[in-house]
Amino acid sequence: MSKNKNIIEGRILSFDESPFNKDFDVSSFKVDKKRIFIIDGIIDSIGPANINRHDFRDVEVADYGDHLISAGFVDAHVHYPQTAIIASWGKRLIDWLNVYTFPEEMRFQDLNYASEIAANYINFSLSNGTTTMASYCTIHPESVDAFFEAAAIRNMCVVAGKTCMDHNAPDDLCDTAQTAYDDSKALLERWHQKGRAHYAITPRFSPTSTPDQLSALGLLWSEFPECLMQTHLSEQVDEIDWVRKLFPKARDYLDTYETFGLLGERGVYGHAIHLETREIDRLSEVGASLIHCPTSNTFIGSGLFEMENLALRSVRLGLASDIGGGSSFSMLRTMASAYEVAQLRGFALHPAQLMWLATQGSAKALHLDDQIGNIAPGIAADLTVLNLSSTPVISQRSERANNVWEELFPTIMMGDDRAIAATYVAGKKI
């Protein structure tokens, strides 16, 4: 049986280790022009630009010159059903949910509408170089089917799950403890690890689930421990106060999940801004993942993520746009916002750390780093090609760069979809 082969050439950015490691030496990091040899969508090998492998003798080379080739961006926390309401004016989180989010999510019982928005969201993301995302859907199974089907058409590696709520939400957006369990299990069995799809058990957050529903979802996770579990944690101060009133016996916000079996190594917790010491200790102890959503956190006024403190504790960290609370589909814009938030915390994130968070870091947070998030043999050829001179302003700055990081940083801070020269999914140019 013949195999599909292709070659992509350009300056390759990949990571052998995390730039958050204290021994990581950015001054010794070099980006050289190389060739990526791809067989059936998987990176077979990487070699010098002048290498001409015999088994790729008749294969055309896509040469991107001085463009920078990175692993495709991994957006570790999004709400694709909020695509149409992105950048809606609002006050606080609860107001934003009630005025915009919940009314829009009610529309997703219509499979045709869900399919339209899923296609729009994925196309917007791909045009910004994002090749994998972890998305919340709505309570409607149709919304999950629509998302996975849209991703499957494009052969994308994605994570998604039915959002579960049976409390403190509009009646038309509430399920029950039993239907949350039954629907989630049926969707999990239909989609998890079918092709490149991965299912995540998805309680929205503890204020919108009763103890019975949280317990039912904890039971489901114990039955399918290979799945991810995604939810929200400590996004806003008034949200935390609300949780304290709803769960008066809980030690803290995290305890409202741990009590019901929803804390574990494959747990993925979005925002996590206002954490208490005990919560950080437990998250670090179990190896859970925390996802930084900087454009959302500033847009809704949630607070400033403690990147340096959490990185020092070796907590798994990912980066996300949090569409549609987040105000941009671009992971470049998300990296720029993460840099600005860290500066307000007194910590200057290096460009290497920003790129790692948007690729390998997020892939590790989603336990998919053996499949995506880097450029290495055996990894899927999900790639983003960056033009580091995409606008006159960026070009005149990058021309003065002394190293690759100085050349890349203006694109991180000022780049948008114009900086995306090409996006590849499983070796295929999209």
Protein backbone atom coordinates (compact mmCIF):
# COMPACT_ATOMS: atom_id res chain seq x y z
CA MET A 1 0.00 0.00 0.00
CA SER A 2 1.48 3.34 -1.06
CA LYS A 3 2.08 5.99 1.57
CA ASN A 4 1.46 9.72 1.38
CA LYS A 5 4.75 11.56 1.69
CA ASN A 6 5.63 15.23 1.76
CA ILE A 7 8.50 17.50 2.73
CA ILE A 8 8.30 20.90 4.39
CA GLU A 9 11.38 23.10 4.65
CA GLY A 10 12.11 26.20 6.68
CA ARG A 11 13.54 27.35 9.97
CA ILE A 12 12.36 24.85 12.57
CA LEU A 13 11.42 25.79 16.14
CA SER A 14 11.16 22.80 18.48
CA PHE A 15 11.85 22.07 22.13
CA ASP A 16 13.88 19.30 23.75
CA GLU A 17 13.00 20.58 27.21
CA SER A 18 10.79 23.12 28.89
CA PRO A 19 12.12 26.71 28.90
CA PHE A 20 10.70 26.97 32.40
CA ASN A 21 13.43 24.58 33.58
CA LYS A 22 16.04 26.56 35.48
CA ASP A 23 18.82 24.98 33.41
CA PHE A 24 17.30 25.97 30.05
CA ASP A 25 19.85 28.13 28.19
CA VAL A 26 18.12 30.40 25.67
CA SER A 27 21.46 31.79 24.48
CA SER A 28 22.49 28.37 23.18
CA PHE A 29 19.16 27.74 21.46
CA LYS A 30 19.54 27.79 17.68
CA VAL A 31 16.92 27.73 14.94
CA ASP A 32 18.32 26.27 11.72
CA LYS A 33 16.81 25.69 8.31
CA LYS A 34 15.84 22.04 8.07
CA ARG A 35 13.57 19.64 6.24
CA ILE A 36 10.65 17.84 7.84
CA PHE A 37 9.98 14.45 6.22
CA ILE A 38 6.36 13.40 6.66
CA ILE A 39 4.72 10.03 6.01
CA ASP A 40 0.93 9.69 6.29
CA GLY A 41 0.66 12.86 8.35
CA ILE A 42 3.32 11.84 10.92
CA ILE A 43 6.80 13.36 11.15
CA ASP A 44 9.19 10.62 10.05
CA SER A 45 12.45 12.53 10.49
CA ILE A 46 14.06 15.97 10.44
CA GLY A 47 17.28 16.69 8.61
CA PRO A 48 19.46 19.46 7.20
CA ALA A 49 18.03 21.48 4.33
CA ASN A 50 20.47 19.92 1.87
CA ILE A 51 19.57 16.33 2.71
CA ASN A 52 17.94 14.38 -0.12
CA ARG A 53 16.60 11.11 1.25
CA HIS A 54 16.29 8.34 -1.33
CA ASP A 55 12.80 7.27 -0.26
CA PHE A 56 11.59 10.88 -0.72
CA ARG A 57 13.36 11.24 -4.09
CA ASP A 58 10.29 12.19 -6.13
CA VAL A 59 8.53 14.25 -3.45
CA GLU A 60 8.08 17.99 -3.96
CA VAL A 61 9.48 20.27 -1.25
CA ALA A 62 7.36 23.08 0.21
CA ASP A 63 10.12 25.58 0.95
CA TYR A 64 9.18 28.41 3.31
CA GLY A 65 12.52 30.16 3.17
CA ASP A 66 13.19 32.20 6.30
CA HIS A 67 9.71 31.73 7.72
CA LEU A 68 9.64 30.06 11.14
CA ILE A 69 7.95 26.65 11.33
CA SER A 70 6.47 25.80 14.72
CA ALA A 71 4.21 23.10 16.02
CA GLY A 72 0.59 24.10 15.49
CA PHE A 73 -0.82 26.15 18.34
CA VAL A 74 -2.79 24.30 21.01
CA ASP A 75 -5.67 26.26 22.56
CA ALA A 76 -6.34 24.44 25.82
CA HIS A 77 -9.64 26.04 26.94
CA VAL A 78 -12.36 27.38 24.63
CA HIS A 79 -16.13 27.57 24.32
CA TYR A 80 -16.84 27.16 20.62
CA PRO A 81 -20.59 27.87 21.14
CA GLN A 82 -19.63 31.41 22.13
CA THR A 83 -18.04 32.16 18.75
CA ALA A 84 -20.88 34.42 17.61
CA ILE A 85 -20.89 36.48 20.83
CA ILE A 86 -17.15 37.16 21.06
CA ALA A 87 -16.30 40.72 22.16
CA SER A 88 -19.70 41.41 23.72
CA TRP A 89 -19.75 44.25 26.22
CA GLY A 90 -20.30 43.12 29.78
CA LYS A 91 -19.58 43.63 33.45
CA ARG A 92 -18.76 40.61 35.56
CA LEU A 93 -18.68 36.89 34.78
CA ILE A 94 -22.19 36.09 36.02
CA ASP A 95 -23.68 39.06 34.15
CA TRP A 96 -21.88 38.02 30.98
CA LEU A 97 -23.18 34.45 31.28
CA ASN A 98 -26.78 35.55 31.83
CA VAL A 99 -26.90 38.28 29.17
CA TYR A 100 -24.94 36.67 26.34
CA THR A 101 -23.74 33.13 26.93
CA PHE A 102 -26.84 31.30 28.14
CA PRO A 103 -29.21 32.77 25.49
CA GLU A 104 -26.75 31.85 22.73
CA GLU A 105 -26.13 28.34 24.06
CA MET A 106 -29.88 27.60 23.97
CA ARG A 107 -29.64 27.63 20.17
CA PHE A 108 -27.34 24.59 20.08
CA GLN A 109 -30.10 22.02 20.35
CA ASP A 110 -30.40 22.67 16.60
CA LEU A 111 -27.77 20.47 14.94
CA ASN A 112 -27.68 22.64 11.82
CA TYR A 113 -26.92 25.76 13.83
CA ALA A 114 -24.35 23.93 15.96
CA SER A 115 -22.65 22.64 12.81
CA GLU A 116 -22.52 26.12 11.29
CA ILE A 117 -20.90 27.64 14.37
CA ALA A 118 -18.51 24.69 14.81
CA ALA A 119 -17.29 25.12 11.22
CA ASN A 120 -16.90 28.88 11.68
CA TYR A 121 -15.00 28.46 14.93
CA ILE A 122 -12.61 25.85 13.53
CA ASN A 123 -11.96 27.86 10.37
CA PHE A 124 -11.24 31.02 12.38
CA SER A 125 -8.84 29.05 14.57
CA LEU A 126 -7.02 27.37 11.69
CA SER A 127 -6.54 30.73 9.98
CA ASN A 128 -4.74 31.82 13.15
CA GLY A 129 -2.47 28.77 13.22
CA THR A 130 -4.37 26.83 15.91
CA THR A 131 -4.54 23.13 15.07
CA THR A 132 -5.84 21.66 18.35
CA MET A 133 -8.29 22.96 20.92
CA ALA A 134 -10.10 21.74 24.03
CA SER A 135 -13.66 22.97 23.82
CA TYR A 136 -16.67 23.07 26.08
CA CYS A 137 -19.84 22.39 24.13
CA THR A 138 -23.39 22.98 25.50
CA ILE A 139 -25.71 20.66 27.39
CA HIS A 140 -27.04 19.43 24.04
CA PRO A 141 -25.48 16.23 22.64
CA GLU A 142 -26.00 17.77 19.18
CA SER A 143 -23.41 20.43 20.02
CA VAL A 144 -20.82 17.75 20.77
CA ASP A 145 -21.55 15.77 17.61
CA ALA A 146 -21.32 18.95 15.52
CA PHE A 147 -17.91 19.87 16.91
CA PHE A 148 -16.34 16.44 16.60
CA GLU A 149 -17.76 16.00 13.09
CA ALA A 150 -16.35 19.36 11.95
CA ALA A 151 -12.95 18.45 13.37
CA ALA A 152 -13.02 14.97 11.84
CA ILE A 153 -13.63 16.40 8.35
CA ARG A 154 -10.35 18.29 8.76
CA ASN A 155 -8.56 15.38 10.50
CA MET A 156 -7.86 17.53 13.56
CA CYS A 157 -6.79 16.41 17.02
CA VAL A 158 -9.36 17.96 19.38
CA VAL A 159 -10.79 17.61 22.87
CA ALA A 160 -14.42 18.36 23.71
CA GLY A 161 -17.26 17.42 26.01
CA LYS A 162 -20.91 18.07 26.77
CA THR A 163 -21.23 20.86 29.34
CA CYS A 164 -23.24 19.66 32.33
CA MET A 165 -25.47 21.96 34.45
CA ASP A 166 -28.50 21.13 36.60
CA HIS A 167 -28.60 24.14 38.91
CA ASN A 168 -28.37 27.95 38.87
CA ALA A 169 -28.88 28.16 35.10
CA PRO A 170 -31.89 28.71 32.80
CA ASP A 171 -34.31 25.78 32.74
CA ASP A 172 -33.70 25.25 29.03
CA LEU A 173 -29.98 24.78 29.73
CA CYS A 174 -30.32 22.35 32.63
CA ASP A 175 -30.02 18.61 32.49
CA THR A 176 -30.07 16.33 35.54
CA ALA A 177 -27.53 14.26 37.38
CA GLN A 178 -28.75 11.17 35.53
CA THR A 179 -28.93 12.69 32.04
CA ALA A 180 -25.53 14.33 32.51
CA TYR A 181 -24.09 10.90 33.27
CA ASP A 182 -26.02 9.09 30.54
CA ASP A 183 -25.43 11.64 27.78
CA SER A 184 -21.76 12.07 28.64
CA LYS A 185 -21.18 8.32 28.70
CA ALA A 186 -22.93 7.82 25.35
CA LEU A 187 -20.94 10.65 23.75
CA LEU A 188 -17.72 9.39 25.28
CA GLU A 189 -18.30 5.92 23.89
CA ARG A 190 -19.19 7.36 20.48
CA TRP A 191 -16.26 9.74 20.10
CA HIS A 192 -13.36 9.14 22.50
CA GLN A 193 -10.22 8.10 20.59
CA LYS A 194 -12.19 7.67 17.40
CA GLY A 195 -9.79 9.07 14.82
CA ARG A 196 -8.14 12.06 16.51
CA ALA A 197 -11.03 12.89 18.86
CA HIS A 198 -10.68 12.93 22.65
CA TYR A 199 -13.57 13.26 25.07
CA ALA A 200 -13.46 15.37 28.24
CA ILE A 201 -16.02 14.99 31.03
CA THR A 202 -17.23 18.58 31.46
CA PRO A 203 -19.07 20.02 34.46
CA ARG A 204 -19.23 23.75 33.70
CA PHE A 205 -18.28 24.73 37.24
CA SER A 206 -19.46 23.74 40.68
CA PRO A 207 -22.02 26.60 41.10
CA THR A 208 -24.09 25.20 38.21
CA SER A 209 -24.04 21.58 39.34
CA THR A 210 -25.74 20.04 42.35
CA PRO A 211 -23.76 17.67 44.56
CA ASP A 212 -25.67 14.81 42.92
CA GLN A 213 -24.51 15.84 39.46
CA LEU A 214 -20.91 16.40 40.54
CA SER A 215 -20.98 12.97 42.17
CA ALA A 216 -22.40 11.35 39.03
CA LEU A 217 -19.68 12.90 36.87
CA GLY A 218 -17.03 11.87 39.38
CA LEU A 219 -18.35 8.31 39.09
CA LEU A 220 -18.19 8.49 35.30
CA TRP A 221 -14.59 9.69 35.43
CA SER A 222 -13.68 6.79 37.73
CA GLU A 223 -15.14 4.44 35.11
CA PHE A 224 -13.19 6.10 32.27
CA PRO A 225 -10.01 7.40 33.94
CA GLU A 226 -8.21 7.68 30.59
CA CYS A 227 -10.44 10.63 29.71
CA LEU A 228 -9.77 14.21 30.64
CA MET A 229 -12.06 16.13 32.98
CA GLN A 230 -12.30 19.88 32.30
CA THR A 231 -13.93 22.59 34.38
CA HIS A 232 -13.45 26.11 35.76
CA LEU A 233 -11.74 27.07 39.01
CA SER A 234 -11.37 30.33 40.95
CA GLU A 235 -11.93 32.72 38.07
CA GLN A 236 -13.38 35.69 39.99
CA VAL A 237 -13.53 36.77 43.64
CA ASP A 238 -17.32 37.09 43.70
CA GLU A 239 -17.59 33.65 42.08
CA ILE A 240 -15.51 32.19 44.93
CA ASP A 241 -17.77 33.87 47.48
CA TRP A 242 -20.75 32.32 45.71
CA VAL A 243 -19.13 28.88 45.89
CA ARG A 244 -18.54 29.32 49.63
CA LYS A 245 -22.26 29.98 50.15
CA LEU A 246 -23.31 27.04 47.98
CA PHE A 247 -20.84 24.61 49.57
CA PRO A 248 -20.42 25.80 53.18
CA LYS A 249 -18.65 22.60 54.28
CA ALA A 250 -15.99 22.77 51.56
CA ARG A 251 -12.48 23.77 52.60
CA ASP A 252 -12.10 25.86 49.44
CA TYR A 253 -13.24 25.98 45.80
CA LEU A 254 -11.06 23.03 44.74
CA ASP A 255 -12.60 20.94 47.50
CA THR A 256 -16.00 21.20 45.77
CA TYR A 257 -14.47 19.07 43.02
CA GLU A 258 -12.24 16.84 45.12
CA THR A 259 -15.12 15.80 47.39
CA PHE A 260 -16.96 14.35 44.40
CA GLY A 261 -14.04 12.62 42.68
CA LEU A 262 -13.30 15.45 40.24
CA LEU A 263 -9.66 16.08 41.14
CA GLY A 264 -6.94 14.09 39.45
CA GLU A 265 -3.91 14.01 37.20
CA ARG A 266 -6.04 14.24 34.07
CA GLY A 267 -8.06 17.14 35.46
CA VAL A 268 -7.83 20.39 33.46
CA TYR A 269 -8.85 23.51 35.37
CA GLY A 270 -9.41 26.79 33.55
CA HIS A 271 -8.42 30.21 34.95
CA ALA A 272 -7.27 29.28 38.48
CA ILE A 273 -6.41 32.88 39.34
CA HIS A 274 -7.28 33.25 43.03
CA LEU A 275 -5.90 30.02 44.45
CA GLU A 276 -5.29 29.35 48.12
CA THR A 277 -2.12 27.66 49.35
CA ARG A 278 -3.88 24.35 50.02
CA GLU A 279 -5.32 24.34 46.51
CA ILE A 280 -1.92 24.88 44.91
CA ASP A 281 -0.44 22.13 47.07
CA ARG A 282 -3.13 19.64 46.04
CA LEU A 283 -3.03 20.55 42.36
CA SER A 284 0.74 20.13 42.35
CA GLU A 285 0.53 16.89 44.32
CA VAL A 286 -1.90 15.19 41.92
CA GLY A 287 -0.26 16.58 38.77
CA ALA A 288 -3.36 18.42 37.54
CA SER A 289 -3.27 21.00 34.74
CA LEU A 290 -4.05 24.72 35.03
CA ILE A 291 -4.95 26.73 31.96
CA HIS A 292 -4.10 30.43 31.73
CA CYS A 293 -6.70 32.48 29.81
CA PRO A 294 -5.18 35.98 29.77
CA THR A 295 -7.35 37.83 27.24
CA SER A 296 -10.49 36.54 28.97
CA ASN A 297 -9.20 37.36 32.43
CA THR A 298 -8.46 40.96 31.49
CA PHE A 299 -11.56 41.40 29.30
CA ILE A 300 -13.95 40.30 32.07
CA GLY A 301 -11.80 41.79 34.84
CA SER A 302 -11.13 38.51 36.61
CA GLY A 303 -7.57 39.06 37.84
CA LEU A 304 -3.92 38.28 37.14
CA PHE A 305 -2.68 34.69 36.85
CA GLU A 306 0.36 33.83 39.00
CA MET A 307 2.51 32.26 36.28
CA GLU A 308 5.86 32.45 38.05
CA ASN A 309 4.65 30.97 41.34
CA LEU A 310 2.84 28.09 39.65
CA ALA A 311 5.73 27.36 37.28
CA LEU A 312 8.10 27.15 40.25
CA ARG A 313 5.74 24.60 41.79
CA SER A 314 6.04 22.50 38.60
CA VAL A 315 2.29 22.58 38.00
CA ARG A 316 1.28 21.60 34.47
CA LEU A 317 0.46 24.85 32.66
CA GLY A 318 -1.33 25.54 29.40
CA LEU A 319 -2.45 28.62 27.51
CA ALA A 320 -5.86 29.40 26.02
CA SER A 321 -7.94 32.01 24.23
CA ASP A 322 -11.12 31.14 26.19
CA ILE A 323 -13.34 32.13 23.26
CA GLY A 324 -15.77 33.89 23.66
CA GLY A 325 -14.88 35.46 27.04
CA GLY A 326 -11.48 35.83 25.43
CA SER A 327 -11.43 38.52 22.80
CA SER A 328 -9.23 36.97 20.09
CA PHE A 329 -8.96 33.70 18.16
CA SER A 330 -5.22 34.35 17.82
CA MET A 331 -2.78 32.50 20.04
CA LEU A 332 -0.25 35.20 19.14
CA ARG A 333 -2.55 37.75 20.78
CA THR A 334 -3.04 35.34 23.67
CA MET A 335 0.74 35.07 24.16
CA ALA A 336 1.04 38.86 24.07
CA SER A 337 -1.64 39.16 26.75
CA ALA A 338 0.09 36.49 28.86
CA TYR A 339 3.30 38.53 28.64
CA GLU A 340 1.50 41.68 29.76
CA VAL A 341 -0.26 39.95 32.66
CA ALA A 342 3.03 38.42 33.84
CA GLN A 343 4.69 41.85 33.68
CA LEU A 344 2.02 43.19 36.02
CA ARG A 345 3.00 40.35 38.36
CA GLY A 346 6.69 41.30 38.10
CA PHE A 347 7.67 38.37 35.87
CA ALA A 348 8.93 38.80 32.30
CA LEU A 349 7.98 35.77 30.23
CA HIS A 350 10.64 34.97 27.64
CA PRO A 351 9.49 34.41 24.02
CA ALA A 352 10.63 30.79 24.34
CA GLN A 353 8.33 30.33 27.33
CA LEU A 354 5.41 31.93 25.50
CA MET A 355 5.83 29.72 22.43
CA TRP A 356 6.25 26.64 24.61
CA LEU A 357 3.03 27.43 26.51
CA ALA A 358 1.13 27.79 23.23
CA THR A 359 2.43 24.49 21.85
CA GLN A 360 4.11 21.81 23.94
CA GLY A 361 2.98 23.19 27.29
CA SER A 362 -0.68 23.10 26.31
CA ALA A 363 -0.21 19.69 24.71
CA LYS A 364 1.26 18.39 27.98
CA ALA A 365 -1.59 19.97 29.94
CA LEU A 366 -4.01 17.97 27.78
CA HIS A 367 -1.87 14.80 28.01
CA LEU A 368 -1.43 14.83 24.24
CA ASP A 369 2.29 15.67 24.04
CA ASP A 370 3.05 12.22 22.63
CA GLN A 371 0.88 13.16 19.63
CA ILE A 372 1.04 16.95 19.10
CA GLY A 373 2.70 20.15 20.28
CA ASN A 374 6.26 19.73 19.02
CA ILE A 375 8.27 19.04 15.88
CA ALA A 376 9.85 15.65 16.43
CA PRO A 377 9.76 12.16 14.88
CA GLY A 378 6.57 10.28 15.71
CA ILE A 379 4.55 13.46 16.31
CA ALA A 380 1.69 14.48 14.02
CA ALA A 381 2.68 17.05 11.41
CA ASP A 382 0.35 19.73 12.77
CA LEU A 383 2.35 22.83 11.92
CA THR A 384 2.13 26.61 11.85
CA VAL A 385 4.36 28.59 9.49
CA LEU A 386 5.07 32.09 10.80
CA ASN A 387 6.02 35.05 8.65
CA LEU A 388 8.15 37.18 10.98
CA SER A 389 7.83 40.20 8.66
CA SER A 390 4.07 40.15 8.15
CA THR A 391 3.58 43.91 8.47
CA PRO A 392 5.90 46.88 7.88
CA VAL A 393 6.02 47.69 11.59
CA ILE A 394 6.93 44.13 12.56
CA SER A 395 9.40 43.82 9.69
CA GLN A 396 11.39 46.93 10.56
CA ARG A 397 11.76 45.70 14.14
CA SER A 398 12.63 42.09 13.32
CA GLU A 399 15.32 43.23 10.87
CA ARG A 400 17.23 44.67 13.83
CA ALA A 401 17.12 41.45 15.81
CA ASN A 402 20.31 39.92 17.22
CA ASN A 403 18.86 36.43 17.64
CA VAL A 404 15.77 34.41 16.81
CA TRP A 405 13.96 35.41 20.00
CA GLU A 406 14.35 39.12 19.24
CA GLU A 407 13.15 38.37 15.73
CA LEU A 408 10.12 36.41 16.95
CA PHE A 409 9.01 38.64 19.81
CA PRO A 410 7.55 41.47 17.66
CA THR A 411 5.34 38.91 15.93
CA ILE A 412 4.17 37.61 19.31
CA MET A 413 3.36 41.11 20.51
CA MET A 414 1.94 42.62 17.31
CA GLY A 415 1.12 39.71 15.01
CA ASP A 416 -2.28 38.49 13.87
CA ASP A 417 -3.62 36.15 11.18
CA ARG A 418 -1.45 37.95 8.61
CA ALA A 419 1.58 36.36 10.30
CA ILE A 420 0.27 32.85 9.55
CA ALA A 421 1.89 31.94 6.23
CA ALA A 422 0.45 28.40 6.31
CA THR A 423 -1.25 25.92 8.61
CA TYR A 424 -0.83 22.16 8.28
CA VAL A 425 -3.00 19.46 9.84
CA ALA A 426 -1.52 15.96 9.74
CA GLY A 427 0.85 17.07 7.00
CA LYS A 428 -1.88 18.57 4.82
CA LYS A 429 -1.92 22.27 4.11
CA ILE A 430 -5.27 23.75 5.16
